[in-house]
């Protein structure tokens, strides 16, 4: 274990001497930083950790619509929709404050009062509700 400490001390002393004699110590530190980044990048690549596979998603919180379920009675609901691999159209056309008819959702188990739903971007359909349809909501 002492060899690591000695090695670290020697490395630190080497860096200190280089900084003292360098014309531009900042440039030396930048070069050391770049070397370290290359070493880390190589180690990650050698370990198979250089690239990650990521699936984009979008979350939509649905609040504020209260459905008329019978004579003068209303049902207030809230939902959280997770869209995996949303399409460009979905990302650009979903607008806050608008009402939509949605199909292609799958419910998830939830212990809260919020309904959790999910879908893949290619399977979910969003249709803006017409003003006459919005009248069925409070």
Protein backbone atom coordinates (compact mmCIF):
# COMPACT_ATOMS: atom_id res chain seq x y z
CA UNK A 1 0.00 0.00 0.00
CA UNK A 2 2.89 2.36 0.61
CA UNK A 3 3.86 2.05 -3.05
CA UNK A 4 0.61 3.78 -4.06
CA UNK A 5 1.21 6.63 -1.63
CA UNK A 6 4.83 6.97 -2.77
CA UNK A 7 3.72 6.84 -6.39
CA UNK A 8 1.06 9.51 -5.77
CA UNK A 9 3.61 11.70 -3.96
CA UNK A 10 6.09 11.32 -6.79
CA UNK A 11 3.41 12.13 -9.36
CA UNK A 12 2.35 15.20 -7.38
CA UNK A 13 5.96 16.37 -7.07
CA UNK A 14 6.44 15.85 -10.81
CA UNK A 15 3.38 17.97 -11.61
CA UNK A 16 4.54 20.66 -9.18
CA UNK A 17 8.00 20.85 -10.84
CA UNK A 18 6.38 21.03 -14.27
CA UNK A 19 4.09 23.84 -13.16
CA UNK A 20 7.00 25.80 -11.65
CA UNK A 21 9.10 25.56 -14.81
CA UNK A 22 6.32 25.90 -17.36
CA UNK A 23 5.98 29.16 -19.25
CA UNK A 24 2.20 28.75 -19.27
CA UNK A 25 1.06 26.59 -16.32
CA UNK A 26 -2.58 26.88 -17.42
CA UNK A 27 -1.73 25.28 -20.75
CA UNK A 28 0.07 22.45 -18.97
CA UNK A 29 -3.00 21.80 -16.82
CA UNK A 30 -5.24 21.81 -19.91
CA UNK A 31 -2.98 19.24 -21.56
CA UNK A 32 -3.01 17.06 -18.42
CA UNK A 33 -6.81 17.31 -18.31
CA UNK A 34 -7.09 16.25 -21.96
CA UNK A 35 -4.75 13.30 -21.33
CA UNK A 36 -6.86 12.23 -18.35
CA UNK A 37 -10.08 12.49 -20.38
CA UNK A 38 -8.54 10.31 -23.10
CA UNK A 39 -7.50 7.70 -20.52
CA UNK A 40 -11.01 7.64 -19.03
CA UNK A 41 -12.60 7.43 -22.49
CA UNK A 42 -10.32 4.51 -23.42
CA UNK A 43 -11.08 2.69 -20.14
CA UNK A 44 -14.83 3.09 -20.72
CA UNK A 45 -14.51 1.85 -24.29
CA UNK A 46 -12.39 -1.14 -23.22
CA UNK A 47 -15.05 -1.97 -20.61
CA UNK A 48 -17.83 -1.79 -23.20
CA UNK A 49 -19.33 1.28 -21.57
CA UNK A 50 -18.62 3.85 -24.28
CA UNK A 51 -22.14 4.00 -25.74
CA UNK A 52 -25.51 3.84 -24.05
CA UNK A 53 -28.77 2.78 -25.57
CA UNK A 54 -31.41 5.24 -24.47
CA UNK A 55 -35.13 5.31 -25.20
CA UNK A 56 -36.59 8.81 -25.28
CA UNK A 57 -39.87 9.40 -23.48
CA UNK A 58 -42.31 12.17 -22.80
CA UNK A 59 -44.58 12.61 -19.81
CA UNK A 60 -47.92 14.36 -20.07
CA UNK A 61 -49.86 15.30 -16.94
CA UNK A 62 -53.59 15.47 -17.54
CA UNK A 63 -55.45 17.69 -15.08
CA UNK A 64 -58.36 20.05 -14.99
CA UNK A 65 -60.95 18.16 -17.02
CA UNK A 66 -64.01 17.12 -15.09
CA UNK A 67 -66.37 14.77 -16.90
CA UNK A 68 -70.14 14.97 -16.57
CA UNK A 69 -71.06 11.39 -15.61
CA UNK A 70 -74.75 11.81 -14.83
CA UNK A 71 -77.40 14.40 -13.95
CA UNK A 72 -75.36 17.24 -12.54
CA UNK A 73 -72.65 14.93 -11.15
CA UNK A 74 -69.04 15.35 -12.17
CA UNK A 75 -65.96 13.14 -11.96
CA UNK A 76 -62.65 14.93 -11.48
CA UNK A 77 -59.66 12.94 -12.61
CA UNK A 78 -55.93 13.29 -12.99
CA UNK A 79 -53.57 11.14 -15.04
CA UNK A 80 -49.91 10.85 -15.89
CA UNK A 81 -49.22 9.52 -19.39
CA UNK A 82 -45.76 8.22 -20.30
CA UNK A 83 -45.12 8.08 -24.05
CA UNK A 84 -42.13 5.94 -25.04
CA UNK A 85 -40.44 6.96 -28.32
CA UNK A 86 -42.77 9.92 -28.97
CA UNK A 87 -43.09 10.98 -32.58
CA UNK A 88 -41.95 14.43 -33.71
CA UNK A 89 -45.59 15.28 -34.41
CA UNK A 90 -46.58 14.42 -30.83
CA UNK A 91 -43.72 16.46 -29.43
CA UNK A 92 -44.65 19.52 -31.46
CA UNK A 93 -48.46 19.35 -31.60
CA UNK A 94 -49.42 18.58 -28.00
CA UNK A 95 -50.30 21.97 -26.55
CA UNK A 96 -50.84 22.88 -22.92
CA UNK A 97 -54.41 23.88 -22.11
CA UNK A 98 -55.99 21.98 -25.01
CA UNK A 99 -58.37 19.00 -24.73
CA UNK A 100 -57.66 15.79 -26.64
CA UNK A 101 -59.28 12.42 -27.22
CA UNK A 102 -56.56 9.81 -26.63
CA UNK A 103 -56.47 6.14 -27.63
CA UNK A 104 -53.88 3.38 -27.47
CA UNK A 105 -53.01 3.76 -23.79
CA UNK A 106 -52.20 0.94 -21.37
CA UNK A 107 -52.99 1.38 -17.67
CA UNK A 108 -50.30 0.72 -15.06
CA UNK A 109 -50.78 -0.33 -11.46
CA UNK A 110 -50.93 2.64 -9.16
CA UNK A 111 -51.53 3.09 -5.47
CA UNK A 112 -52.12 6.81 -5.74
CA UNK A 113 -55.15 8.81 -6.81
CA UNK A 114 -53.37 9.62 -10.07
CA UNK A 115 -54.09 7.27 -12.97
CA UNK A 116 -50.86 6.12 -14.64
CA UNK A 117 -50.98 5.25 -18.34
CA UNK A 118 -48.35 4.47 -20.95
CA UNK A 119 -47.96 3.87 -24.67
CA UNK A 120 -45.42 3.78 -27.47
CA UNK A 121 -45.37 6.89 -29.64
CA UNK A 122 -46.33 4.95 -32.76
CA UNK A 123 -49.43 3.36 -31.15
CA UNK A 124 -50.96 6.34 -29.37
CA UNK A 125 -53.46 8.60 -31.16
CA UNK A 126 -54.20 12.18 -30.10
CA UNK A 127 -57.17 13.99 -31.61
CA UNK A 128 -57.97 17.55 -30.54
CA UNK A 129 -61.52 17.77 -29.18
CA UNK A 130 -63.92 20.05 -31.00
CA UNK A 131 -65.52 22.87 -29.00
CA UNK A 132 -68.84 20.97 -28.95
CA UNK A 133 -67.14 17.92 -27.40
CA UNK A 134 -65.33 20.07 -24.83
CA UNK A 135 -68.79 21.18 -23.62
CA UNK A 136 -69.19 17.71 -22.07
CA UNK A 137 -66.47 18.66 -19.60
CA UNK A 138 -66.45 21.26 -16.89
